[in-house]
Amino acid sequence: MREKKLILILFSVALFFTALSCGKKGDPIPRGLPIPEDIKDLSGEVKDGVLFLSFSIPKRNKDGTEIKNLEGFKIYKGCGGCIGAFELFRDIKIDSKQGFTVYGGRLYLFDDDLRKGQAYSYKVIPYTKTTVRGNESNVFTIKWEATPEPPSGLAVKEDDESVGLEWKAQEGILYNVYRRDDDTYPLFPLNDRPLITPSYRDKGLINNKRYIYEIRAIKEKNGFLWEGEGARIEATPKDKTPPGIPIDVRAERRDRAVALTWRQQTEKDLKGYHVYRINAGVTERLTGEPIRENMYIDDKTPDSRYISYYVTSVDINGNESEASQEQIIMLKE
C-alpha cells in the first residue's frame, strides 16, 4: 500500500513539473475566425553591441485572406538549451508604436540584457484584436559573445558635398559606418559590406548641414558578425569649389572713367563678382562686397597712362575663382 501511495505521489510530481515545462496553454481559438499566417523568418543580428531581432509582419491569414485586425506580437525568450522554459519577453502592440521599428515589412526590436557565454532562444506568436493567436514562429538561438571595443583615432575631412572619415586600424577587425540624418536610429550601415580598410567617404551630401556618424568595429566568429558599440563623430560638408572664371570681359574708356562688362554667369550658388585694378604693378580690389551686376564703372581712375583690370566670381561660401583675362586701358595718349 505504501508503495502504491509513493508511486501516486511521484506521478503527481512528474505531472506538475511537466505542466511547468510546457507553459500555460494559449487561449482557445474561436471557431470561424481567421488565424494569422506563420512567421518563419525570425532572425537576429548583433548591432551596436546589442542583439536586434527581426521578422516579417504577416500580411495574410492562413486561409489566404488579408489580415485586417492584427494587434501585436508576443515575443518569448528562454535559455538556448532548455525545453519549454520560454518566458514572455515583450508584448508588442502595433498601434502603440513603442519599443520597435518597422522597415521593409520587417519588425525590429532589440535585447540588451545578455551575458557572455550564455545561450538564448527566441520565438514569436502573432495575435489579433479578436484574441486569436497564431502558431509559434521558428526559434532563433544565439550564444552571446563579447563585442569589439569602439574604434579610436577618428578624424574627419569636410569637402564639397562629401565627408571623408578615417580611424585607427585594428588587427582582424572589420567596420561598419552609420549616419544619422535626424533623430532616427540608423538600422543599416552606409557601406554595402563590412569595410576592411579604416576609412570611408560619404558622398552626395548637403553642404553646411551637420551629420553625425558612428563607426563600429566588427569581429567574425563561427560565420557570425559581432558588431560593437560605435564611436561617434560629427561633420559638416563645405563647398570648396570656386565658381567659373568670368569670360568676355570688356573694358571701355569713357573720358576719365572706365566701364567694364562681362558675361553673366549661371551658377546657382553665385554671390557676385569682384573687380580688380592694376596700376604700376600694384593690384587693388575695387569692390568691397561682391556685386551682382555684370558691369562696373571705375570713375576714380589714377593719373596713369596705362592701367589694367580683371574680374573674379565669388560664390555664397566665399570661394573665389581665378582671375579673368586681363584688360588693358590707355588713359593718356
C-alpha atoms as a PDB file:
ATOM      1  CA  MET A   1       0.000   0.000   0.000  1.00  0.00           C
ATOM      2  CA  ARG A   2       2.838   2.345   0.878  1.00  0.00           C
ATOM      3  CA  GLU A   3       4.492   1.551  -2.467  1.00  0.00           C
ATOM      4  CA  LYS A   4       1.282   2.428  -4.343  1.00  0.00           C
ATOM      5  CA  LYS A   5       0.930   5.757  -2.493  1.00  0.00           C
ATOM      6  CA  LEU A   6       4.587   6.522  -3.237  1.00  0.00           C
ATOM      7  CA  ILE A   7       4.069   5.820  -6.945  1.00  0.00           C
ATOM      8  CA  LEU A   8       0.996   8.092  -7.000  1.00  0.00           C
ATOM      9  CA  ILE A   9       2.931  10.903  -5.298  1.00  0.00           C
ATOM     10  CA  LEU A  10       5.870  10.615  -7.725  1.00  0.00           C
ATOM     11  CA  PHE A  11       3.481  10.542 -10.680  1.00  0.00           C
ATOM     12  CA  SER A  12       1.721  13.677  -9.431  1.00  0.00           C
ATOM     13  CA  VAL A  13       5.058  15.475  -9.009  1.00  0.00           C
ATOM     14  CA  ALA A  14       6.067  14.457 -12.528  1.00  0.00           C
ATOM     15  CA  LEU A  15       2.807  15.836 -13.910  1.00  0.00           C
ATOM     16  CA  PHE A  16       3.359  19.079 -12.009  1.00  0.00           C
ATOM     17  CA  PHE A  17       6.823  19.672 -13.498  1.00  0.00           C
ATOM     18  CA  THR A  18       5.630  18.612 -16.943  1.00  0.00           C
ATOM     19  CA  ALA A  19       2.955  21.271 -16.749  1.00  0.00           C
ATOM     20  CA  LEU A  20       5.556  23.841 -15.740  1.00  0.00           C
ATOM     21  CA  SER A  21       7.842  22.954 -18.633  1.00  0.00           C
ATOM     22  CA  CYS A  22       5.059  23.122 -21.184  1.00  0.00           C
ATOM     23  CA  GLY A  23       3.916  26.539 -20.008  1.00  0.00           C
ATOM     24  CA  LYS A  24       0.420  27.925 -19.909  1.00  0.00           C
ATOM     25  CA  LYS A  25      -1.756  26.881 -22.799  1.00  0.00           C
ATOM     26  CA  GLY A  26      -2.910  29.613 -25.145  1.00  0.00           C
ATOM     27  CA  ASP A  27      -6.474  30.785 -25.321  1.00  0.00           C
ATOM     28  CA  PRO A  28      -8.747  28.546 -27.387  1.00  0.00           C
ATOM     29  CA  ILE A  29      -9.269  29.773 -30.924  1.00  0.00           C
ATOM     30  CA  PRO A  30     -12.897  30.762 -31.569  1.00  0.00           C
ATOM     31  CA  ARG A  31     -14.346  28.817 -34.427  1.00  0.00           C
ATOM     32  CA  GLY A  32     -14.671  30.603 -37.738  1.00  0.00           C
ATOM     33  CA  LEU A  33     -12.134  33.334 -37.005  1.00  0.00           C
ATOM     34  CA  PRO A  34      -9.101  33.525 -39.317  1.00  0.00           C
ATOM     35  CA  ILE A  35      -5.661  32.678 -37.928  1.00  0.00           C
ATOM     36  CA  PRO A  36      -2.576  34.772 -38.844  1.00  0.00           C
ATOM     37  CA  GLU A  37      -0.132  33.026 -41.123  1.00  0.00           C
ATOM     38  CA  ASP A  38       3.022  31.547 -39.601  1.00  0.00           C
ATOM     39  CA  ILE A  39       6.165  33.601 -39.015  1.00  0.00           C
ATOM     40  CA  LYS A  40       9.034  31.538 -40.400  1.00  0.00           C
ATOM     41  CA  ASP A  41      11.905  34.045 -40.653  1.00  0.00           C
ATOM     42  CA  LEU A  42      12.645  35.190 -37.106  1.00  0.00           C
ATOM     43  CA  SER A  43      16.360  36.066 -37.062  1.00  0.00           C
ATOM     44  CA  GLY A  44      18.907  38.097 -35.142  1.00  0.00           C
ATOM     45  CA  GLU A  45      21.863  40.389 -35.805  1.00  0.00           C
ATOM     46  CA  VAL A  46      24.407  41.862 -33.400  1.00  0.00           C
ATOM     47  CA  LYS A  47      24.432  45.622 -33.923  1.00  0.00           C
ATOM     48  CA  ASP A  48      25.774  48.393 -31.712  1.00  0.00           C
ATOM     49  CA  GLY A  49      26.679  45.868 -29.024  1.00  0.00           C
ATOM     50  CA  VAL A  50      23.133  44.502 -28.620  1.00  0.00           C
ATOM     51  CA  LEU A  51      21.001  41.814 -30.251  1.00  0.00           C
ATOM     52  CA  PHE A  52      18.494  43.020 -32.839  1.00  0.00           C
ATOM     53  CA  LEU A  53      15.663  40.584 -33.549  1.00  0.00           C
ATOM     54  CA  SER A  54      13.532  40.914 -36.654  1.00  0.00           C
ATOM     55  CA  PHE A  55      10.786  39.097 -38.531  1.00  0.00           C
ATOM     56  CA  SER A  56       8.372  39.709 -41.388  1.00  0.00           C
ATOM     57  CA  ILE A  57       4.994  41.071 -40.357  1.00  0.00           C
ATOM     58  CA  PRO A  58       2.241  38.699 -41.533  1.00  0.00           C
ATOM     59  CA  LYS A  59       0.041  40.198 -44.235  1.00  0.00           C
ATOM     60  CA  ARG A  60      -2.414  37.356 -44.687  1.00  0.00           C
ATOM     61  CA  ASN A  61      -4.256  34.748 -42.698  1.00  0.00           C
ATOM     62  CA  LYS A  62      -3.853  31.010 -43.080  1.00  0.00           C
ATOM     63  CA  ASP A  63      -6.973  30.907 -45.232  1.00  0.00           C
ATOM     64  CA  GLY A  64      -5.409  33.388 -47.671  1.00  0.00           C
ATOM     65  CA  THR A  65      -7.462  36.405 -46.644  1.00  0.00           C
ATOM     66  CA  GLU A  66      -5.860  39.730 -45.777  1.00  0.00           C
ATOM     67  CA  ILE A  67      -5.176  40.413 -42.093  1.00  0.00           C
ATOM     68  CA  LYS A  68      -7.220  43.443 -41.044  1.00  0.00           C
ATOM     69  CA  ASN A  69      -7.201  43.154 -37.250  1.00  0.00           C
ATOM     70  CA  LEU A  70      -3.619  42.251 -36.322  1.00  0.00           C
ATOM     71  CA  GLU A  71      -2.996  43.654 -32.835  1.00  0.00           C
ATOM     72  CA  GLY A  72       0.537  42.635 -31.985  1.00  0.00           C
ATOM     73  CA  PHE A  73       3.146  40.024 -31.183  1.00  0.00           C
ATOM     74  CA  LYS A  74       4.239  38.185 -28.089  1.00  0.00           C
ATOM     75  CA  ILE A  75       7.988  37.600 -28.073  1.00  0.00           C
ATOM     76  CA  TYR A  76       9.255  34.817 -25.825  1.00  0.00           C
ATOM     77  CA  LYS A  77      12.805  34.359 -24.563  1.00  0.00           C
ATOM     78  CA  GLY A  78      14.449  31.352 -22.995  1.00  0.00           C
ATOM     79  CA  CYS A  79      17.782  29.712 -22.373  1.00  0.00           C
ATOM     80  CA  GLY A  80      19.208  28.176 -25.506  1.00  0.00           C
ATOM     81  CA  GLY A  81      19.271  24.559 -24.422  1.00  0.00           C
ATOM     82  CA  CYS A  82      16.109  24.485 -22.331  1.00  0.00           C
ATOM     83  CA  ILE A  83      12.917  22.806 -23.430  1.00  0.00           C
ATOM     84  CA  GLY A  84       9.709  24.590 -22.562  1.00  0.00           C
ATOM     85  CA  ALA A  85      11.493  27.252 -20.485  1.00  0.00           C
ATOM     86  CA  PHE A  86      10.378  30.247 -22.579  1.00  0.00           C
ATOM     87  CA  GLU A  87       9.056  33.300 -20.776  1.00  0.00           C
ATOM     88  CA  LEU A  88       7.299  36.349 -22.163  1.00  0.00           C
ATOM     89  CA  PHE A  89       9.985  38.879 -23.127  1.00  0.00           C
ATOM     90  CA  ARG A  90       7.963  41.558 -24.904  1.00  0.00           C
ATOM     91  CA  ASP A  91       4.326  42.137 -25.774  1.00  0.00           C
ATOM     92  CA  ILE A  92       4.348  44.462 -28.770  1.00  0.00           C
ATOM     93  CA  LYS A  93       1.173  46.222 -29.774  1.00  0.00           C
ATOM     94  CA  ILE A  94       1.429  47.644 -33.275  1.00  0.00           C
ATOM     95  CA  ASP A  95      -0.765  50.664 -32.570  1.00  0.00           C
ATOM     96  CA  SER A  96       1.455  51.803 -29.681  1.00  0.00           C
ATOM     97  CA  LYS A  97       4.477  52.297 -31.995  1.00  0.00           C
ATOM     98  CA  GLN A  98       6.771  51.949 -28.981  1.00  0.00           C
ATOM     99  CA  GLY A  99       9.754  49.670 -28.424  1.00  0.00           C
ATOM    100  CA  PHE A 100      10.120  48.632 -32.054  1.00  0.00           C
ATOM    101  CA  THR A 101      10.533  49.924 -35.579  1.00  0.00           C
ATOM    102  CA  VAL A 102       9.342  48.678 -38.953  1.00  0.00           C
ATOM    103  CA  TYR A 103      11.418  48.771 -42.114  1.00  0.00           C
ATOM    104  CA  GLY A 104      10.827  46.991 -45.406  1.00  0.00           C
ATOM    105  CA  GLY A 105       7.940  44.989 -43.975  1.00  0.00           C
ATOM    106  CA  ARG A 106      10.040  43.671 -41.077  1.00  0.00           C
ATOM    107  CA  LEU A 107       9.644  44.481 -37.409  1.00  0.00           C
ATOM    108  CA  TYR A 108      12.844  45.174 -35.451  1.00  0.00           C
ATOM    109  CA  LEU A 109      13.392  45.162 -31.692  1.00  0.00           C
ATOM    110  CA  PHE A 110      16.448  44.691 -29.505  1.00  0.00           C
ATOM    111  CA  ASP A 111      17.581  42.849 -26.384  1.00  0.00           C
ATOM    112  CA  ASP A 112      20.448  44.328 -24.357  1.00  0.00           C
ATOM    113  CA  ASP A 113      20.140  42.045 -21.320  1.00  0.00           C
ATOM    114  CA  LEU A 114      22.609  39.362 -22.395  1.00  0.00           C
ATOM    115  CA  ARG A 115      25.601  37.705 -20.733  1.00  0.00           C
ATOM    116  CA  LYS A 116      28.739  36.356 -22.353  1.00  0.00           C
ATOM    117  CA  GLY A 117      28.765  32.574 -22.742  1.00  0.00           C
ATOM    118  CA  GLN A 118      25.002  32.207 -22.188  1.00  0.00           C
ATOM    119  CA  ALA A 119      22.779  30.857 -24.968  1.00  0.00           C
ATOM    120  CA  TYR A 120      19.407  32.458 -25.630  1.00  0.00           C
ATOM    121  CA  SER A 121      16.435  31.400 -27.721  1.00  0.00           C
ATOM    122  CA  TYR A 122      13.506  33.440 -29.034  1.00  0.00           C
ATOM    123  CA  LYS A 123      10.151  32.798 -30.672  1.00  0.00           C
ATOM    124  CA  VAL A 124       7.204  34.955 -31.728  1.00  0.00           C
ATOM    125  CA  ILE A 125       3.438  34.470 -31.680  1.00  0.00           C
ATOM    126  CA  PRO A 126       1.159  36.922 -33.542  1.00  0.00           C
ATOM    127  CA  TYR A 127      -2.321  37.711 -32.197  1.00  0.00           C
ATOM    128  CA  THR A 128      -5.338  39.630 -33.404  1.00  0.00           C
ATOM    129  CA  LYS A 129      -7.788  42.060 -31.810  1.00  0.00           C
ATOM    130  CA  THR A 130     -10.261  39.189 -31.579  1.00  0.00           C
ATOM    131  CA  THR A 131      -7.812  37.289 -29.293  1.00  0.00           C
ATOM    132  CA  VAL A 132      -6.886  34.802 -31.999  1.00  0.00           C
ATOM    133  CA  ARG A 133      -3.292  33.604 -31.560  1.00  0.00           C
ATOM    134  CA  GLY A 134      -1.211  32.305 -34.418  1.00  0.00           C
ATOM    135  CA  ASN A 135       1.270  29.464 -34.276  1.00  0.00           C
ATOM    136  CA  GLU A 136       4.734  29.791 -32.771  1.00  0.00           C
ATOM    137  CA  SER A 137       7.405  31.031 -35.143  1.00  0.00           C
ATOM    138  CA  ASN A 138      10.695  29.354 -35.828  1.00  0.00           C
ATOM    139  CA  VAL A 139      13.138  29.532 -32.909  1.00  0.00           C
ATOM    140  CA  PHE A 140      16.229  31.727 -33.172  1.00  0.00           C
ATOM    141  CA  THR A 141      19.114  30.797 -30.858  1.00  0.00           C
ATOM    142  CA  ILE A 142      22.383  32.570 -30.183  1.00  0.00           C
ATOM    143  CA  LYS A 143      25.254  32.064 -27.737  1.00  0.00           C
ATOM    144  CA  TRP A 144      26.290  35.531 -26.634  1.00  0.00           C
ATOM    145  CA  GLU A 145      29.856  36.733 -27.167  1.00  0.00           C
ATOM    146  CA  ALA A 146      31.624  39.956 -26.172  1.00  0.00           C
ATOM    147  CA  THR A 147      31.605  42.586 -28.918  1.00  0.00           C
ATOM    148  CA  PRO A 148      34.661  44.622 -30.035  1.00  0.00           C
ATOM    149  CA  GLU A 149      35.574  47.963 -28.495  1.00  0.00           C
ATOM    150  CA  PRO A 150      34.725  51.131 -30.476  1.00  0.00           C
ATOM    151  CA  PRO A 151      37.373  52.340 -32.954  1.00  0.00           C
ATOM    152  CA  SER A 152      39.731  55.096 -31.839  1.00  0.00           C
ATOM    153  CA  GLY A 153      41.642  57.906 -33.525  1.00  0.00           C
ATOM    154  CA  LEU A 154      38.695  59.219 -35.529  1.00  0.00           C
ATOM    155  CA  ALA A 155      39.411  62.029 -37.998  1.00  0.00           C
ATOM    156  CA  VAL A 156      37.167  63.836 -40.469  1.00  0.00           C
ATOM    157  CA  LYS A 157      37.778  65.796 -43.673  1.00  0.00           C
ATOM    158  CA  GLU A 158      34.927  68.044 -44.772  1.00  0.00           C
ATOM    159  CA  ASP A 159      34.725  68.571 -48.534  1.00  0.00           C
ATOM    160  CA  ASP A 160      32.232  69.792 -51.111  1.00  0.00           C
ATOM    161  CA  GLU A 161      29.071  67.636 -50.705  1.00  0.00           C
ATOM    162  CA  SER A 162      31.151  64.862 -49.150  1.00  0.00           C
ATOM    163  CA  VAL A 163      32.831  63.820 -45.917  1.00  0.00           C
ATOM    164  CA  GLY A 164      35.936  61.687 -45.510  1.00  0.00           C
ATOM    165  CA  LEU A 165      36.243  59.558 -42.367  1.00  0.00           C
ATOM    166  CA  GLU A 166      39.337  57.808 -41.021  1.00  0.00           C
ATOM    167  CA  TRP A 167      40.173  55.894 -37.838  1.00  0.00           C
ATOM    168  CA  LYS A 168      42.875  53.709 -36.346  1.00  0.00           C
ATOM    169  CA  ALA A 169      43.057  50.184 -37.775  1.00  0.00           C
ATOM    170  CA  GLN A 170      42.589  47.144 -35.510  1.00  0.00           C
ATOM    171  CA  GLU A 171      44.019  43.744 -36.361  1.00  0.00           C
ATOM    172  CA  GLY A 172      41.428  41.203 -37.519  1.00  0.00           C
ATOM    173  CA  ILE A 173      38.584  43.744 -37.310  1.00  0.00           C
ATOM    174  CA  LEU A 174      36.063  44.881 -39.939  1.00  0.00           C
ATOM    175  CA  TYR A 175      33.981  48.053 -39.794  1.00  0.00           C
ATOM    176  CA  ASN A 176      30.529  49.469 -40.458  1.00  0.00           C
ATOM    177  CA  VAL A 177      29.758  53.179 -40.891  1.00  0.00           C
ATOM    178  CA  TYR A 178      26.364  54.603 -39.912  1.00  0.00           C
ATOM    179  CA  ARG A 179      24.943  58.076 -40.467  1.00  0.00           C
ATOM    180  CA  ARG A 180      22.239  59.857 -38.502  1.00  0.00           C
ATOM    181  CA  ASP A 181      20.365  62.285 -40.745  1.00  0.00           C
ATOM    182  CA  ASP A 182      17.964  63.162 -37.923  1.00  0.00           C
ATOM    183  CA  ASP A 183      16.895  61.563 -34.643  1.00  0.00           C
ATOM    184  CA  THR A 184      16.029  58.258 -36.337  1.00  0.00           C
ATOM    185  CA  TYR A 185      18.228  55.334 -35.236  1.00  0.00           C
ATOM    186  CA  PRO A 186      20.188  54.004 -38.249  1.00  0.00           C
ATOM    187  CA  LEU A 187      19.483  50.307 -38.684  1.00  0.00           C
ATOM    188  CA  PHE A 188      21.686  49.803 -41.721  1.00  0.00           C
ATOM    189  CA  PRO A 189      25.253  50.929 -42.499  1.00  0.00           C
ATOM    190  CA  LEU A 190      26.203  53.178 -45.405  1.00  0.00           C
ATOM    191  CA  ASN A 191      28.650  50.579 -46.730  1.00  0.00           C
ATOM    192  CA  ASP A 192      27.286  47.611 -48.692  1.00  0.00           C
ATOM    193  CA  ARG A 193      29.584  45.138 -46.946  1.00  0.00           C
ATOM    194  CA  PRO A 194      31.889  45.389 -43.895  1.00  0.00           C
ATOM    195  CA  LEU A 195      34.931  47.535 -44.568  1.00  0.00           C
ATOM    196  CA  ILE A 196      38.449  46.112 -44.472  1.00  0.00           C
ATOM    197  CA  THR A 197      40.277  49.446 -44.529  1.00  0.00           C
ATOM    198  CA  PRO A 198      39.784  52.054 -41.756  1.00  0.00           C
ATOM    199  CA  SER A 199      38.365  54.789 -43.978  1.00  0.00           C
ATOM    200  CA  TYR A 200      35.152  55.768 -45.732  1.00  0.00           C
ATOM    201  CA  ARG A 201      33.930  58.641 -47.932  1.00  0.00           C
ATOM    202  CA  ASP A 202      30.275  59.648 -47.779  1.00  0.00           C
ATOM    203  CA  LYS A 203      29.123  61.452 -50.937  1.00  0.00           C
ATOM    204  CA  GLY A 204      26.032  63.246 -52.185  1.00  0.00           C
ATOM    205  CA  LEU A 205      25.565  65.304 -49.013  1.00  0.00           C
ATOM    206  CA  ILE A 206      24.101  68.761 -48.457  1.00  0.00           C
ATOM    207  CA  ASN A 207      26.685  71.449 -47.840  1.00  0.00           C
ATOM    208  CA  ASN A 208      26.568  73.254 -44.482  1.00  0.00           C
ATOM    209  CA  LYS A 209      24.349  70.555 -42.960  1.00  0.00           C
ATOM    210  CA  ARG A 210      25.582  68.799 -39.828  1.00  0.00           C
ATOM    211  CA  TYR A 211      25.851  64.996 -39.993  1.00  0.00           C
ATOM    212  CA  ILE A 212      26.533  62.558 -37.164  1.00  0.00           C
ATOM    213  CA  TYR A 213      28.465  59.368 -37.926  1.00  0.00           C
ATOM    214  CA  GLU A 214      29.124  56.191 -35.955  1.00  0.00           C
ATOM    215  CA  ILE A 215      31.956  53.821 -36.826  1.00  0.00           C
ATOM    216  CA  ARG A 216      31.513  50.356 -35.336  1.00  0.00           C
ATOM    217  CA  ALA A 217      34.057  47.556 -35.144  1.00  0.00           C
ATOM    218  CA  ILE A 218      33.086  44.025 -36.203  1.00  0.00           C
ATOM    219  CA  LYS A 219      34.635  40.667 -35.466  1.00  0.00           C
ATOM    220  CA  GLU A 220      33.698  37.489 -37.286  1.00  0.00           C
ATOM    221  CA  LYS A 221      33.326  34.248 -35.346  1.00  0.00           C
ATOM    222  CA  ASN A 222      31.798  30.981 -36.486  1.00  0.00           C
ATOM    223  CA  GLY A 223      30.312  32.683 -39.540  1.00  0.00           C
ATOM    224  CA  PHE A 224      28.531  35.313 -37.429  1.00  0.00           C
ATOM    225  CA  LEU A 225      29.303  39.044 -37.334  1.00  0.00           C
ATOM    226  CA  TRP A 226      29.594  40.645 -33.891  1.00  0.00           C
ATOM    227  CA  GLU A 227      29.283  44.419 -34.126  1.00  0.00           C
ATOM    228  CA  GLY A 228      30.245  46.525 -31.118  1.00  0.00           C
ATOM    229  CA  GLU A 229      29.166  49.965 -29.973  1.00  0.00           C
ATOM    230  CA  GLY A 230      30.030  52.891 -32.213  1.00  0.00           C
ATOM    231  CA  ALA A 231      32.496  55.744 -31.921  1.00  0.00           C
ATOM    232  CA  ARG A 232      30.699  58.981 -32.837  1.00  0.00           C
ATOM    233  CA  ILE A 233      31.960  61.966 -34.815  1.00  0.00           C
ATOM    234  CA  GLU A 234      30.269  64.988 -36.405  1.00  0.00           C
ATOM    235  CA  ALA A 235      30.978  66.580 -39.777  1.00  0.00           C
ATOM    236  CA  THR A 236      29.638  69.413 -41.919  1.00  0.00           C
ATOM    237  CA  PRO A 237      30.446  69.240 -45.655  1.00  0.00           C
ATOM    238  CA  LYS A 238      31.513  72.549 -47.130  1.00  0.00           C
ATOM    239  CA  ASP A 239      31.629  73.890 -50.657  1.00  0.00           C
ATOM    240  CA  LYS A 240      35.267  74.408 -51.562  1.00  0.00           C
ATOM    241  CA  THR A 241      34.790  74.579 -55.332  1.00  0.00           C
ATOM    242  CA  PRO A 242      35.031  78.103 -56.772  1.00  0.00           C
ATOM    243  CA  PRO A 243      32.631  79.262 -59.489  1.00  0.00           C
ATOM    244  CA  GLY A 244      33.688  79.607 -63.100  1.00  0.00           C
ATOM    245  CA  ILE A 245      36.062  82.316 -64.315  1.00  0.00           C
ATOM    246  CA  PRO A 246      34.244  85.320 -65.821  1.00  0.00           C
ATOM    247  CA  ILE A 247      34.534  85.403 -69.626  1.00  0.00           C
ATOM    248  CA  ASP A 248      34.080  88.006 -72.377  1.00  0.00           C
ATOM    249  CA  VAL A 249      35.414  90.755 -70.130  1.00  0.00           C
ATOM    250  CA  ARG A 250      35.478  94.109 -71.944  1.00  0.00           C
ATOM    251  CA  ALA A 251      36.871  97.477 -70.834  1.00  0.00           C
ATOM    252  CA  GLU A 252      35.938 100.808 -72.444  1.00  0.00           C
ATOM    253  CA  ARG A 253      37.304 104.272 -71.646  1.00  0.00           C
ATOM    254  CA  ARG A 254      34.710 106.982 -71.014  1.00  0.00           C
ATOM    255  CA  ASP A 255      36.587 110.269 -70.538  1.00  0.00           C
ATOM    256  CA  ARG A 256      38.475 109.682 -67.264  1.00  0.00           C
ATOM    257  CA  ALA A 257      36.255 106.727 -66.303  1.00  0.00           C
ATOM    258  CA  VAL A 258      36.431 103.074 -67.405  1.00  0.00           C
ATOM    259  CA  ALA A 259      33.362 100.886 -67.973  1.00  0.00           C
ATOM    260  CA  LEU A 260      33.798  97.114 -67.569  1.00  0.00           C
ATOM    261  CA  THR A 261      31.338  94.440 -68.711  1.00  0.00           C
ATOM    262  CA  TRP A 262      31.400  90.626 -68.837  1.00  0.00           C
ATOM    263  CA  ARG A 263      29.102  87.710 -69.489  1.00  0.00           C
ATOM    264  CA  GLN A 264      26.613  86.909 -66.694  1.00  0.00           C
ATOM    265  CA  GLN A 265      27.235  83.504 -65.088  1.00  0.00           C
ATOM    266  CA  THR A 266      24.557  80.934 -64.199  1.00  0.00           C
ATOM    267  CA  GLU A 267      25.901  79.049 -61.151  1.00  0.00           C
ATOM    268  CA  LYS A 268      23.135  78.566 -58.583  1.00  0.00           C
ATOM    269  CA  ASP A 269      25.427  79.424 -55.665  1.00  0.00           C
ATOM    270  CA  LEU A 270      26.908  82.537 -57.310  1.00  0.00           C
ATOM    271  CA  LYS A 271      27.042  85.519 -54.950  1.00  0.00           C
ATOM    272  CA  GLY A 272      28.606  88.042 -57.314  1.00  0.00           C
ATOM    273  CA  TYR A 273      31.823  89.430 -58.751  1.00  0.00           C
ATOM    274  CA  HIS A 274      34.933  91.242 -57.635  1.00  0.00           C
ATOM    275  CA  VAL A 275      36.692  93.789 -59.838  1.00  0.00           C
ATOM    276  CA  TYR A 276      40.446  94.363 -59.554  1.00  0.00           C
ATOM    277  CA  ARG A 277      42.603  97.196 -60.946  1.00  0.00           C
ATOM    278  CA  ILE A 278      46.339  97.007 -61.563  1.00  0.00           C
ATOM    279  CA  ASN A 279      48.295 100.263 -61.573  1.00  0.00           C
ATOM    280  CA  ALA A 280      52.088 100.486 -61.654  1.00  0.00           C
ATOM    281  CA  GLY A 281      52.351  96.854 -60.616  1.00  0.00           C
ATOM    282  CA  VAL A 282      50.040  97.277 -57.601  1.00  0.00           C
ATOM    283  CA  THR A 283      46.763  95.315 -57.525  1.00  0.00           C
ATOM    284  CA  GLU A 284      43.747  96.866 -55.797  1.00  0.00           C
ATOM    285  CA  ARG A 285      40.294  95.352 -55.317  1.00  0.00           C
ATOM    286  CA  LEU A 286      37.666  97.945 -56.192  1.00  0.00           C
ATOM    287  CA  THR A 287      34.605  96.093 -54.851  1.00  0.00           C
ATOM    288  CA  GLY A 288      34.132  95.846 -51.092  1.00  0.00           C
ATOM    289  CA  GLU A 289      31.432  93.186 -51.398  1.00  0.00           C
ATOM    290  CA  PRO A 290      30.750  91.032 -54.471  1.00  0.00           C
ATOM    291  CA  ILE A 291      28.476  92.871 -56.907  1.00  0.00           C
ATOM    292  CA  ARG A 292      25.552  91.102 -58.583  1.00  0.00           C
ATOM    293  CA  GLU A 293      25.631  93.112 -61.819  1.00  0.00           C
ATOM    294  CA  ASN A 294      27.848  92.026 -64.684  1.00  0.00           C
ATOM    295  CA  MET A 295      29.179  95.540 -65.143  1.00  0.00           C
ATOM    296  CA  TYR A 296      31.251  98.053 -63.200  1.00  0.00           C
ATOM    297  CA  ILE A 297      32.299 101.703 -63.765  1.00  0.00           C
ATOM    298  CA  ASP A 298      35.588 102.895 -62.341  1.00  0.00           C
ATOM    299  CA  ASP A 299      35.179 106.669 -62.077  1.00  0.00           C
ATOM    300  CA  LYS A 300      38.217 107.184 -59.865  1.00  0.00           C
ATOM    301  CA  THR A 301      40.979 106.188 -62.205  1.00  0.00           C
ATOM    302  CA  PRO A 302      44.550 107.103 -61.237  1.00  0.00           C
ATOM    303  CA  ASP A 303      46.706 109.609 -63.052  1.00  0.00           C
ATOM    304  CA  SER A 304      48.473 106.996 -65.128  1.00  0.00           C
ATOM    305  CA  ARG A 305      48.995 106.336 -68.791  1.00  0.00           C
ATOM    306  CA  TYR A 306      48.074 102.646 -68.667  1.00  0.00           C
ATOM    307  CA  ILE A 307      46.008 100.638 -66.205  1.00  0.00           C
ATOM    308  CA  SER A 308      44.502  97.136 -66.409  1.00  0.00           C
ATOM    309  CA  TYR A 309      41.560  95.247 -64.914  1.00  0.00           C
ATOM    310  CA  TYR A 310      40.394  91.701 -64.241  1.00  0.00           C
ATOM    311  CA  VAL A 311      37.239  90.176 -62.730  1.00  0.00           C
ATOM    312  CA  THR A 312      36.639  87.143 -60.466  1.00  0.00           C
ATOM    313  CA  SER A 313      33.489  85.229 -59.458  1.00  0.00           C
ATOM    314  CA  VAL A 314      32.540  84.555 -55.827  1.00  0.00           C
ATOM    315  CA  ASP A 315      30.020  82.015 -54.501  1.00  0.00           C
ATOM    316  CA  ILE A 316      27.888  82.140 -51.351  1.00  0.00           C
ATOM    317  CA  ASN A 317      30.528  80.175 -49.414  1.00  0.00           C
ATOM    318  CA  GLY A 318      33.267  82.684 -50.184  1.00  0.00           C
ATOM    319  CA  ASN A 319      35.042  80.611 -52.814  1.00  0.00           C
ATOM    320  CA  GLU A 320      36.634  82.897 -55.407  1.00  0.00           C
ATOM    321  CA  SER A 321      37.538  81.956 -58.948  1.00  0.00           C
ATOM    322  CA  GLU A 322      40.812  82.636 -60.665  1.00  0.00           C
ATOM    323  CA  ALA A 323      41.235  85.935 -62.500  1.00  0.00           C
ATOM    324  CA  SER A 324      39.636  86.592 -65.842  1.00  0.00           C
ATOM    325  CA  GLN A 325      41.687  87.625 -68.836  1.00  0.00           C
ATOM    326  CA  GLU A 326      43.297  90.978 -68.060  1.00  0.00           C
ATOM    327  CA  GLN A 327      42.058  94.068 -69.957  1.00  0.00           C
ATOM    328  CA  ILE A 328      44.468  96.971 -70.535  1.00  0.00           C
ATOM    329  CA  ILE A 329      43.256 100.551 -70.959  1.00  0.00           C
ATOM    330  CA  MET A 330      45.297 103.552 -72.127  1.00  0.00           C
ATOM    331  CA  LEU A 331      44.166 106.676 -70.232  1.00  0.00           C
ATOM    332  CA  LYS A 332      46.657 109.137 -71.823  1.00  0.00           C
ATOM    333  CA  GLU A 333      47.845 109.486 -75.378  1.00  0.00           C
END
